[in-house]
N, C-alpha and C. Protein backbone atom coordinates (compact mmCIF):
# COMPACT_ATOMS: atom_id res chain seq x y z
N UNK A 1 -0.62 -15.46 5.96
CA UNK A 1 -1.57 -14.67 6.71
C UNK A 1 -2.83 -15.49 6.91
N UNK A 2 -3.39 -15.49 8.09
CA UNK A 2 -4.62 -16.23 8.34
C UNK A 2 -5.81 -15.34 8.00
N UNK A 3 -6.89 -15.95 7.53
CA UNK A 3 -8.06 -15.16 7.19
C UNK A 3 -8.64 -14.46 8.41
N UNK A 4 -9.35 -13.36 8.20
CA UNK A 4 -9.98 -12.67 9.32
C UNK A 4 -10.99 -13.59 10.00
N UNK A 5 -11.33 -13.33 11.26
CA UNK A 5 -12.26 -14.18 11.98
C UNK A 5 -13.65 -14.14 11.35
N UNK A 6 -14.45 -15.18 11.67
CA UNK A 6 -15.83 -15.20 11.21
C UNK A 6 -16.58 -14.11 11.94
N UNK A 7 -17.80 -13.86 11.52
CA UNK A 7 -18.60 -12.85 12.19
C UNK A 7 -18.90 -11.69 11.27
N UNK A 8 -19.37 -10.62 11.86
CA UNK A 8 -19.82 -9.46 11.10
C UNK A 8 -18.76 -8.90 10.17
N UNK A 9 -17.49 -8.95 10.56
CA UNK A 9 -16.42 -8.39 9.74
C UNK A 9 -15.47 -9.45 9.24
N UNK A 10 -15.84 -10.73 9.38
CA UNK A 10 -14.97 -11.82 8.99
C UNK A 10 -14.96 -12.06 7.50
N UNK A 11 -14.19 -13.04 7.11
CA UNK A 11 -14.01 -13.39 5.71
C UNK A 11 -15.35 -13.68 5.04
N UNK A 12 -16.16 -14.57 5.63
CA UNK A 12 -17.43 -14.92 5.02
C UNK A 12 -18.36 -13.74 4.87
N UNK A 13 -18.41 -12.90 5.90
CA UNK A 13 -19.27 -11.71 5.84
C UNK A 13 -18.80 -10.76 4.75
N UNK A 14 -17.49 -10.65 4.58
CA UNK A 14 -16.97 -9.77 3.52
C UNK A 14 -17.34 -10.31 2.15
N UNK A 15 -17.21 -11.63 1.98
CA UNK A 15 -17.56 -12.24 0.70
C UNK A 15 -19.04 -12.02 0.40
N UNK A 16 -19.89 -12.27 1.41
CA UNK A 16 -21.33 -12.11 1.21
C UNK A 16 -21.67 -10.66 0.87
N UNK A 17 -21.08 -9.72 1.60
CA UNK A 17 -21.35 -8.30 1.35
C UNK A 17 -20.91 -7.91 -0.06
N UNK A 18 -19.72 -8.38 -0.49
CA UNK A 18 -19.22 -8.06 -1.84
C UNK A 18 -20.14 -8.68 -2.90
N UNK A 19 -20.62 -9.90 -2.65
CA UNK A 19 -21.53 -10.57 -3.59
C UNK A 19 -22.84 -9.80 -3.70
N UNK A 20 -23.39 -9.40 -2.55
CA UNK A 20 -24.66 -8.68 -2.55
C UNK A 20 -24.52 -7.29 -3.17
N UNK A 21 -23.39 -6.62 -2.94
CA UNK A 21 -23.16 -5.30 -3.55
C UNK A 21 -23.19 -5.39 -5.06
N UNK A 22 -22.70 -6.51 -5.60
CA UNK A 22 -22.69 -6.70 -7.06
C UNK A 22 -23.97 -7.35 -7.56
N UNK A 23 -24.90 -7.61 -6.63
CA UNK A 23 -26.20 -8.23 -6.95
C UNK A 23 -26.02 -9.57 -7.66
N UNK A 24 -25.10 -10.37 -7.10
CA UNK A 24 -24.84 -11.70 -7.65
C UNK A 24 -25.46 -12.76 -6.75
N UNK A 25 -26.02 -13.79 -7.35
CA UNK A 25 -26.52 -14.93 -6.59
C UNK A 25 -25.36 -15.89 -6.34
N UNK A 26 -25.58 -16.82 -5.45
CA UNK A 26 -24.57 -17.85 -5.20
C UNK A 26 -24.28 -18.63 -6.48
N UNK A 27 -25.32 -18.91 -7.27
CA UNK A 27 -25.14 -19.64 -8.53
C UNK A 27 -24.32 -18.82 -9.53
N UNK A 28 -24.48 -17.52 -9.53
CA UNK A 28 -23.70 -16.67 -10.44
C UNK A 28 -22.22 -16.70 -10.04
N UNK A 29 -21.96 -16.67 -8.73
CA UNK A 29 -20.57 -16.76 -8.26
C UNK A 29 -19.99 -18.12 -8.62
N UNK A 30 -20.79 -19.16 -8.47
CA UNK A 30 -20.34 -20.51 -8.84
C UNK A 30 -19.95 -20.55 -10.32
N UNK A 31 -20.79 -19.99 -11.18
CA UNK A 31 -20.53 -20.01 -12.61
C UNK A 31 -19.26 -19.23 -12.96
N UNK A 32 -19.03 -18.13 -12.27
CA UNK A 32 -17.87 -17.29 -12.57
C UNK A 32 -16.58 -17.79 -11.94
N UNK A 33 -16.71 -18.53 -10.83
CA UNK A 33 -15.50 -18.92 -10.08
C UNK A 33 -15.16 -20.40 -10.16
N UNK A 34 -16.16 -21.22 -10.47
CA UNK A 34 -15.92 -22.67 -10.43
C UNK A 34 -15.98 -23.24 -9.03
N UNK A 35 -16.33 -22.43 -8.04
CA UNK A 35 -16.49 -22.88 -6.65
C UNK A 35 -17.99 -23.09 -6.44
N UNK A 36 -18.38 -24.26 -5.95
CA UNK A 36 -19.81 -24.56 -5.84
C UNK A 36 -20.54 -23.54 -4.97
N UNK A 37 -21.81 -23.32 -5.35
CA UNK A 37 -22.66 -22.39 -4.60
C UNK A 37 -22.78 -22.84 -3.15
N UNK A 38 -22.84 -24.15 -2.93
CA UNK A 38 -22.94 -24.69 -1.58
C UNK A 38 -21.70 -24.31 -0.77
N UNK A 39 -20.52 -24.46 -1.38
CA UNK A 39 -19.27 -24.14 -0.68
C UNK A 39 -19.18 -22.64 -0.39
N UNK A 40 -19.57 -21.82 -1.36
CA UNK A 40 -19.55 -20.35 -1.14
C UNK A 40 -20.49 -20.01 0.00
N UNK A 41 -21.66 -20.62 0.03
CA UNK A 41 -22.61 -20.37 1.11
C UNK A 41 -22.03 -20.77 2.46
N UNK A 42 -21.37 -21.92 2.52
CA UNK A 42 -20.74 -22.36 3.78
C UNK A 42 -19.66 -21.37 4.22
N UNK A 43 -18.89 -20.85 3.27
CA UNK A 43 -17.85 -19.86 3.58
C UNK A 43 -18.51 -18.60 4.13
N UNK A 44 -19.57 -18.13 3.45
CA UNK A 44 -20.25 -16.92 3.89
C UNK A 44 -20.82 -17.06 5.31
N UNK A 45 -21.27 -18.26 5.66
CA UNK A 45 -21.84 -18.48 6.99
C UNK A 45 -20.77 -18.77 8.03
N UNK A 46 -19.51 -18.83 7.63
CA UNK A 46 -18.42 -19.08 8.57
C UNK A 46 -18.28 -20.54 8.97
N UNK A 47 -18.88 -21.44 8.21
CA UNK A 47 -18.82 -22.86 8.53
C UNK A 47 -17.54 -23.52 8.03
N UNK A 48 -16.89 -22.89 7.06
CA UNK A 48 -15.64 -23.42 6.51
C UNK A 48 -14.79 -22.27 6.00
N UNK A 49 -13.54 -22.57 5.80
CA UNK A 49 -12.60 -21.58 5.27
C UNK A 49 -12.12 -22.06 3.90
N UNK A 50 -12.12 -21.18 2.91
CA UNK A 50 -11.71 -21.60 1.58
C UNK A 50 -10.19 -21.79 1.48
N UNK A 51 -9.79 -22.60 0.51
CA UNK A 51 -8.36 -22.68 0.21
C UNK A 51 -7.96 -21.35 -0.43
N UNK A 52 -6.68 -21.11 -0.52
CA UNK A 52 -6.21 -19.87 -1.14
C UNK A 52 -6.67 -19.81 -2.60
N UNK A 53 -6.59 -20.95 -3.29
CA UNK A 53 -7.01 -20.98 -4.69
C UNK A 53 -8.49 -20.68 -4.85
N UNK A 54 -9.33 -21.28 -3.99
CA UNK A 54 -10.77 -21.02 -4.06
C UNK A 54 -11.06 -19.56 -3.73
N UNK A 55 -10.38 -19.01 -2.73
CA UNK A 55 -10.59 -17.61 -2.38
C UNK A 55 -10.20 -16.70 -3.54
N UNK A 56 -9.10 -17.00 -4.21
CA UNK A 56 -8.66 -16.19 -5.36
C UNK A 56 -9.71 -16.23 -6.47
N UNK A 57 -10.29 -17.41 -6.73
CA UNK A 57 -11.31 -17.52 -7.78
C UNK A 57 -12.59 -16.77 -7.39
N UNK A 58 -12.98 -16.88 -6.12
CA UNK A 58 -14.16 -16.15 -5.65
C UNK A 58 -13.92 -14.65 -5.74
N UNK A 59 -12.75 -14.22 -5.32
CA UNK A 59 -12.41 -12.79 -5.36
C UNK A 59 -12.51 -12.27 -6.80
N UNK A 60 -11.95 -13.00 -7.76
CA UNK A 60 -12.04 -12.58 -9.17
C UNK A 60 -13.50 -12.49 -9.61
N UNK A 61 -14.30 -13.48 -9.23
CA UNK A 61 -15.72 -13.47 -9.60
C UNK A 61 -16.44 -12.27 -9.01
N UNK A 62 -15.97 -11.79 -7.87
CA UNK A 62 -16.60 -10.65 -7.20
C UNK A 62 -15.95 -9.32 -7.59
N UNK A 63 -14.98 -9.37 -8.50
CA UNK A 63 -14.32 -8.14 -8.94
C UNK A 63 -13.43 -7.51 -7.89
N UNK A 64 -12.87 -8.34 -7.02
CA UNK A 64 -12.01 -7.86 -5.94
C UNK A 64 -10.65 -8.55 -6.01
N UNK A 65 -9.67 -7.94 -5.37
CA UNK A 65 -8.38 -8.59 -5.20
C UNK A 65 -8.48 -9.51 -3.98
N UNK A 66 -7.77 -10.60 -4.01
CA UNK A 66 -7.78 -11.55 -2.89
C UNK A 66 -7.42 -10.85 -1.59
N UNK A 67 -6.46 -9.93 -1.64
CA UNK A 67 -6.00 -9.23 -0.44
C UNK A 67 -7.14 -8.50 0.27
N UNK A 68 -8.16 -8.06 -0.47
CA UNK A 68 -9.29 -7.37 0.14
C UNK A 68 -9.93 -8.22 1.23
N UNK A 69 -10.02 -9.53 0.98
CA UNK A 69 -10.67 -10.42 1.93
C UNK A 69 -9.73 -10.88 3.05
N UNK A 70 -8.44 -10.63 2.90
CA UNK A 70 -7.47 -11.11 3.89
C UNK A 70 -6.97 -10.03 4.84
N UNK A 71 -7.35 -8.78 4.61
CA UNK A 71 -6.92 -7.71 5.52
C UNK A 71 -7.35 -8.06 6.94
N UNK A 72 -6.47 -7.79 7.92
CA UNK A 72 -6.76 -8.11 9.31
C UNK A 72 -8.00 -7.38 9.81
N UNK A 73 -8.11 -6.12 9.46
CA UNK A 73 -9.30 -5.35 9.78
C UNK A 73 -9.87 -4.85 8.46
N UNK A 74 -11.18 -4.71 8.43
CA UNK A 74 -11.80 -4.23 7.20
C UNK A 74 -11.46 -2.76 7.02
N UNK A 75 -10.93 -2.43 5.86
CA UNK A 75 -10.50 -1.07 5.57
C UNK A 75 -11.51 -0.37 4.69
N UNK A 76 -11.58 0.93 4.82
CA UNK A 76 -12.47 1.72 3.98
C UNK A 76 -11.95 1.73 2.54
N UNK A 77 -12.87 1.85 1.60
CA UNK A 77 -12.50 1.90 0.18
C UNK A 77 -11.79 3.21 -0.16
N UNK A 78 -12.11 4.26 0.59
CA UNK A 78 -11.55 5.58 0.34
C UNK A 78 -10.89 6.05 1.63
N UNK A 79 -9.72 6.64 1.50
CA UNK A 79 -8.98 7.13 2.66
C UNK A 79 -8.81 8.65 2.54
N UNK A 80 -9.10 9.34 3.61
CA UNK A 80 -8.87 10.78 3.66
C UNK A 80 -7.90 11.07 4.80
N UNK A 81 -6.82 11.74 4.47
CA UNK A 81 -5.86 12.18 5.48
C UNK A 81 -5.86 13.70 5.45
N UNK A 82 -6.32 14.30 6.54
CA UNK A 82 -6.34 15.76 6.62
C UNK A 82 -5.04 16.24 7.26
N UNK A 83 -4.78 17.51 7.14
CA UNK A 83 -3.57 18.08 7.74
C UNK A 83 -3.55 17.82 9.25
N UNK A 84 -4.73 17.80 9.88
CA UNK A 84 -4.81 17.61 11.32
C UNK A 84 -4.57 16.17 11.76
N UNK A 85 -4.88 15.17 10.89
CA UNK A 85 -4.75 13.79 11.34
C UNK A 85 -3.61 13.02 10.68
N UNK A 86 -2.65 13.73 10.11
CA UNK A 86 -1.48 13.06 9.55
C UNK A 86 -0.68 12.39 10.65
N UNK A 87 -0.16 11.21 10.35
CA UNK A 87 0.72 10.51 11.29
C UNK A 87 2.13 11.05 11.08
N UNK A 88 2.74 11.53 12.15
CA UNK A 88 4.09 12.10 12.09
C UNK A 88 5.07 11.13 12.73
N UNK A 89 6.12 10.82 12.00
CA UNK A 89 7.16 9.92 12.50
C UNK A 89 8.50 10.65 12.44
N UNK A 90 9.40 10.24 13.31
CA UNK A 90 10.77 10.75 13.25
C UNK A 90 11.65 9.57 12.88
N UNK A 91 12.62 9.78 12.02
CA UNK A 91 13.47 8.70 11.55
C UNK A 91 14.93 9.02 11.77
N UNK A 92 15.72 7.96 11.86
CA UNK A 92 17.19 8.04 11.89
C UNK A 92 17.68 9.13 12.83
N UNK A 93 17.29 9.02 14.10
CA UNK A 93 17.75 9.94 15.14
C UNK A 93 17.56 11.40 14.75
N UNK A 94 16.37 11.73 14.27
CA UNK A 94 16.06 13.12 13.95
C UNK A 94 16.51 13.56 12.57
N UNK A 95 17.05 12.67 11.77
CA UNK A 95 17.51 13.04 10.43
C UNK A 95 16.34 13.40 9.52
N UNK A 96 15.19 12.81 9.78
CA UNK A 96 14.03 13.05 8.92
C UNK A 96 12.75 13.05 9.74
N UNK A 97 11.81 13.91 9.33
CA UNK A 97 10.46 13.89 9.85
C UNK A 97 9.56 13.45 8.70
N UNK A 98 8.74 12.46 8.95
CA UNK A 98 7.90 11.88 7.90
C UNK A 98 6.44 12.05 8.29
N UNK A 99 5.67 12.67 7.40
CA UNK A 99 4.23 12.82 7.58
C UNK A 99 3.55 11.91 6.57
N UNK A 100 2.83 10.92 7.04
CA UNK A 100 2.11 10.00 6.15
C UNK A 100 0.93 10.73 5.51
N UNK A 101 0.86 10.71 4.19
CA UNK A 101 -0.23 11.37 3.47
C UNK A 101 -1.27 10.37 2.97
N UNK A 102 -1.02 9.08 3.18
CA UNK A 102 -1.97 8.04 2.80
C UNK A 102 -2.14 7.07 3.96
N UNK A 103 -3.30 6.43 4.00
CA UNK A 103 -3.53 5.33 4.92
C UNK A 103 -3.95 4.13 4.08
N UNK A 104 -4.09 3.01 4.71
CA UNK A 104 -4.40 1.78 3.98
C UNK A 104 -5.83 1.76 3.47
N UNK A 105 -5.96 1.21 2.26
CA UNK A 105 -7.24 0.86 1.69
C UNK A 105 -7.12 -0.61 1.29
N UNK A 106 -8.20 -1.31 1.01
CA UNK A 106 -8.09 -2.73 0.68
C UNK A 106 -7.12 -2.98 -0.48
N UNK A 107 -6.13 -3.83 -0.22
CA UNK A 107 -5.16 -4.16 -1.26
C UNK A 107 -4.27 -2.99 -1.65
N UNK A 108 -4.22 -1.96 -0.80
CA UNK A 108 -3.48 -0.75 -1.13
C UNK A 108 -2.02 -1.02 -1.47
N UNK A 109 -1.55 -0.40 -2.53
CA UNK A 109 -0.17 -0.59 -2.97
C UNK A 109 0.56 0.75 -3.08
N UNK A 110 -0.06 1.81 -2.62
CA UNK A 110 0.51 3.14 -2.78
C UNK A 110 0.75 3.77 -1.42
N UNK A 111 1.93 4.32 -1.24
CA UNK A 111 2.25 5.07 -0.02
C UNK A 111 2.78 6.44 -0.45
N UNK A 112 2.33 7.48 0.23
CA UNK A 112 2.80 8.83 -0.06
C UNK A 112 3.12 9.49 1.27
N UNK A 113 4.24 10.21 1.32
CA UNK A 113 4.63 10.91 2.54
C UNK A 113 5.30 12.24 2.19
N UNK A 114 5.16 13.17 3.11
CA UNK A 114 5.93 14.42 3.04
C UNK A 114 7.10 14.21 3.98
N UNK A 115 8.32 14.42 3.48
CA UNK A 115 9.53 14.15 4.25
C UNK A 115 10.33 15.44 4.38
N UNK A 116 10.73 15.76 5.61
CA UNK A 116 11.61 16.91 5.87
C UNK A 116 12.94 16.33 6.30
N UNK A 117 13.98 16.60 5.51
CA UNK A 117 15.32 16.08 5.81
C UNK A 117 16.17 17.17 6.44
N UNK A 118 16.83 16.83 7.54
CA UNK A 118 17.77 17.76 8.19
C UNK A 118 18.94 18.00 7.25
N UNK A 119 19.65 19.13 7.39
CA UNK A 119 20.79 19.42 6.52
C UNK A 119 21.80 18.26 6.48
N UNK A 120 22.14 17.85 5.25
CA UNK A 120 23.15 16.81 5.05
C UNK A 120 22.73 15.41 5.44
N UNK A 121 21.48 15.21 5.83
CA UNK A 121 21.05 13.91 6.36
C UNK A 121 20.22 13.13 5.35
N UNK A 122 20.11 11.84 5.61
CA UNK A 122 19.38 10.91 4.75
C UNK A 122 18.16 10.37 5.50
N UNK A 123 17.18 9.95 4.74
CA UNK A 123 15.98 9.34 5.31
C UNK A 123 16.32 8.02 5.97
N UNK A 124 17.22 7.26 5.38
CA UNK A 124 17.68 5.99 5.93
C UNK A 124 19.20 6.03 5.95
N UNK A 125 19.79 5.20 6.78
CA UNK A 125 21.24 5.18 6.88
C UNK A 125 21.94 4.57 5.68
N UNK A 126 21.25 3.69 4.94
CA UNK A 126 21.91 2.97 3.85
C UNK A 126 20.97 2.81 2.66
N UNK A 127 21.56 2.53 1.52
CA UNK A 127 20.74 2.23 0.34
C UNK A 127 19.93 0.97 0.64
N UNK A 128 18.80 0.87 0.01
CA UNK A 128 17.92 -0.28 0.20
C UNK A 128 17.17 -0.54 -1.11
N UNK A 129 16.47 -1.65 -1.16
CA UNK A 129 15.65 -1.95 -2.33
C UNK A 129 14.42 -2.73 -1.88
N UNK A 130 13.39 -2.71 -2.71
CA UNK A 130 12.15 -3.44 -2.45
C UNK A 130 11.39 -3.55 -3.77
N UNK A 131 10.40 -4.43 -3.81
CA UNK A 131 9.58 -4.54 -5.00
C UNK A 131 8.76 -3.27 -5.17
N UNK A 132 8.56 -2.86 -6.40
CA UNK A 132 7.73 -1.71 -6.68
C UNK A 132 8.49 -0.59 -7.35
N UNK A 133 7.98 0.61 -7.18
CA UNK A 133 8.59 1.80 -7.78
C UNK A 133 8.54 2.93 -6.75
N UNK A 134 9.39 3.92 -6.94
CA UNK A 134 9.40 5.11 -6.08
C UNK A 134 9.52 6.35 -6.94
N UNK A 135 9.05 7.44 -6.40
CA UNK A 135 9.25 8.76 -6.99
C UNK A 135 9.53 9.73 -5.85
N UNK A 136 10.37 10.70 -6.12
CA UNK A 136 10.69 11.75 -5.15
C UNK A 136 10.49 13.08 -5.87
N UNK A 137 9.75 13.99 -5.23
CA UNK A 137 9.51 15.33 -5.77
C UNK A 137 10.05 16.33 -4.75
N UNK A 138 10.99 17.16 -5.16
CA UNK A 138 11.57 18.16 -4.27
C UNK A 138 10.62 19.36 -4.17
N UNK A 139 10.19 19.66 -2.92
CA UNK A 139 9.33 20.82 -2.70
C UNK A 139 10.15 22.06 -2.35
N UNK A 140 11.23 21.85 -1.59
CA UNK A 140 12.14 22.95 -1.28
C UNK A 140 13.50 22.37 -0.94
N UNK A 141 14.53 23.20 -1.07
CA UNK A 141 15.89 22.72 -0.82
C UNK A 141 16.40 21.89 -2.00
N UNK A 142 17.45 21.13 -1.75
CA UNK A 142 18.05 20.28 -2.78
C UNK A 142 18.12 18.86 -2.25
N UNK A 143 17.70 17.89 -3.06
CA UNK A 143 17.67 16.49 -2.66
C UNK A 143 18.51 15.68 -3.64
N UNK A 144 19.46 14.92 -3.12
CA UNK A 144 20.25 14.02 -3.96
C UNK A 144 19.60 12.65 -3.91
N UNK A 145 19.27 12.12 -5.09
CA UNK A 145 18.68 10.79 -5.21
C UNK A 145 19.70 9.89 -5.88
N UNK A 146 20.01 8.77 -5.24
CA UNK A 146 20.90 7.77 -5.81
C UNK A 146 20.05 6.53 -6.07
N UNK A 147 20.04 6.08 -7.34
CA UNK A 147 19.25 4.89 -7.70
C UNK A 147 19.98 4.12 -8.79
N UNK A 148 20.24 2.87 -8.51
CA UNK A 148 20.87 2.03 -9.51
C UNK A 148 22.22 2.53 -9.98
N UNK A 149 22.98 3.14 -9.10
CA UNK A 149 24.30 3.63 -9.46
C UNK A 149 24.30 5.00 -10.11
N UNK A 150 23.13 5.59 -10.31
CA UNK A 150 23.04 6.92 -10.90
C UNK A 150 22.69 7.92 -9.79
N UNK A 151 23.36 9.06 -9.78
CA UNK A 151 23.10 10.09 -8.77
C UNK A 151 22.49 11.31 -9.47
N UNK A 152 21.40 11.83 -8.89
CA UNK A 152 20.70 12.99 -9.46
C UNK A 152 20.48 14.01 -8.35
N UNK A 153 20.67 15.27 -8.64
CA UNK A 153 20.37 16.31 -7.66
C UNK A 153 19.11 17.04 -8.10
N UNK A 154 18.11 17.04 -7.22
CA UNK A 154 16.84 17.67 -7.52
C UNK A 154 16.75 19.02 -6.83
N UNK A 155 16.33 20.03 -7.57
CA UNK A 155 16.04 21.34 -7.01
C UNK A 155 14.52 21.46 -6.88
N UNK A 156 14.05 22.52 -6.26
CA UNK A 156 12.63 22.73 -6.04
C UNK A 156 11.84 22.49 -7.33
N UNK A 157 10.84 21.61 -7.25
CA UNK A 157 9.99 21.31 -8.39
C UNK A 157 10.46 20.14 -9.24
N UNK A 158 11.71 19.69 -9.07
CA UNK A 158 12.23 18.56 -9.84
C UNK A 158 11.71 17.24 -9.25
N UNK A 159 11.71 16.20 -10.10
CA UNK A 159 11.24 14.90 -9.66
C UNK A 159 12.10 13.80 -10.26
N UNK A 160 12.20 12.69 -9.55
CA UNK A 160 12.89 11.50 -10.04
C UNK A 160 11.98 10.30 -9.80
N UNK A 161 12.00 9.35 -10.72
CA UNK A 161 11.18 8.14 -10.62
C UNK A 161 12.08 6.97 -10.99
N UNK A 162 12.00 5.86 -10.23
CA UNK A 162 12.90 4.74 -10.47
C UNK A 162 12.30 3.44 -9.98
N UNK A 163 12.80 2.34 -10.52
CA UNK A 163 12.43 1.00 -10.10
C UNK A 163 13.04 0.78 -8.73
N UNK A 164 12.22 0.47 -7.74
CA UNK A 164 12.70 0.35 -6.36
C UNK A 164 13.48 -0.94 -6.10
N UNK A 165 13.57 -1.83 -7.09
CA UNK A 165 14.42 -3.01 -6.92
C UNK A 165 15.89 -2.63 -7.09
N UNK A 166 16.15 -1.42 -7.61
CA UNK A 166 17.52 -0.90 -7.69
C UNK A 166 17.88 -0.35 -6.31
N UNK A 167 19.12 -0.56 -5.89
CA UNK A 167 19.56 0.02 -4.62
C UNK A 167 19.39 1.54 -4.71
N UNK A 168 18.74 2.12 -3.70
CA UNK A 168 18.45 3.55 -3.78
C UNK A 168 18.46 4.20 -2.39
N UNK A 169 18.61 5.52 -2.41
CA UNK A 169 18.57 6.33 -1.19
C UNK A 169 18.39 7.78 -1.62
N UNK A 170 17.92 8.61 -0.71
CA UNK A 170 17.88 10.04 -0.98
C UNK A 170 18.37 10.80 0.25
N UNK A 171 19.03 11.92 -0.03
CA UNK A 171 19.73 12.69 1.00
C UNK A 171 19.52 14.17 0.75
N UNK A 172 19.51 14.96 1.83
CA UNK A 172 19.50 16.41 1.69
C UNK A 172 20.88 16.82 1.17
N UNK A 173 20.93 17.46 -0.01
CA UNK A 173 22.20 17.83 -0.63
C UNK A 173 22.81 19.07 0.01
N UNK A 174 22.06 19.75 0.86
CA UNK A 174 22.57 20.96 1.52
C UNK A 174 23.03 20.64 2.94
N UNK A 175 24.07 21.31 3.39
CA UNK A 175 24.53 21.17 4.78
C UNK A 175 24.03 22.33 5.64
N UNK A 176 23.25 23.24 5.02
CA UNK A 176 22.78 24.42 5.75
C UNK A 176 21.28 24.46 6.01
N UNK A 177 20.46 24.02 5.05
CA UNK A 177 19.01 24.17 5.19
C UNK A 177 18.29 22.83 5.02
N UNK A 178 17.10 22.75 5.61
CA UNK A 178 16.29 21.55 5.45
C UNK A 178 15.85 21.39 3.99
N UNK A 179 15.57 20.17 3.62
CA UNK A 179 14.98 19.88 2.31
C UNK A 179 13.62 19.22 2.58
N UNK A 180 12.65 19.60 1.78
CA UNK A 180 11.31 19.04 1.92
C UNK A 180 10.96 18.36 0.60
N UNK A 181 10.44 17.15 0.71
CA UNK A 181 10.10 16.40 -0.50
C UNK A 181 8.83 15.61 -0.30
N UNK A 182 8.24 15.20 -1.40
CA UNK A 182 7.14 14.24 -1.38
C UNK A 182 7.72 12.93 -1.88
N UNK A 183 7.50 11.88 -1.12
CA UNK A 183 7.97 10.53 -1.45
C UNK A 183 6.77 9.68 -1.78
N UNK A 184 6.84 8.98 -2.91
CA UNK A 184 5.74 8.12 -3.37
C UNK A 184 6.33 6.74 -3.62
N UNK A 185 5.69 5.70 -3.10
CA UNK A 185 6.16 4.33 -3.31
C UNK A 185 4.99 3.43 -3.63
N UNK A 186 5.25 2.47 -4.49
CA UNK A 186 4.26 1.44 -4.79
C UNK A 186 4.89 0.09 -4.56
N UNK A 187 4.06 -0.91 -4.35
CA UNK A 187 4.55 -2.28 -4.34
C UNK A 187 3.99 -2.98 -5.55
N UNK A 188 4.75 -3.92 -6.04
CA UNK A 188 4.27 -4.70 -7.19
C UNK A 188 3.18 -5.65 -6.77
N UNK A 189 2.30 -5.95 -7.69
CA UNK A 189 1.23 -6.92 -7.50
C UNK A 189 1.83 -8.28 -7.23
N UNK A 190 1.36 -9.00 -6.21
CA UNK A 190 1.92 -10.30 -5.87
C UNK A 190 1.00 -11.44 -6.28
N UNK A 191 -0.26 -11.15 -6.60
CA UNK A 191 -1.23 -12.21 -6.90
C UNK A 191 -0.90 -12.95 -8.16
């Protein structure tokens, strides 16, 4: 990923803003990161771009994750999703309706959605895996969760949690009524 452009919302401006928010001088950042104050100043002014290693050290000195400075657009620290502004998606030819309950925050690793599954249908066509963890909470209906070769049927109020590196899928266990669930996923830290 390439760093954001220079300017008001660019990499250097973000570093400077984070440094000033913590009331740190360039010399303090140098002492904490091992990156010279002169180089940090040049980065803040957009005159140079840091190496990934230097950026990681600066980020640690500023109490931030490296990803915070690499987001394409600057994201708010706090995200609010109201019932009126939820993003609604349709999946697998109408098999599922997904309402996003979270939006991105800097370095965000958490996704939450409300999922409505059509009778007998799955959110995805096949089992899948990814880094991180998942949890499924049944709000209504019955949901079958398959994870790592184990199959569990959840009734209203039941929940399952599993390592998402295991092949997994979830399906509406009923052929008559919709199932509604909350899906939560995290990604593992990559830094």
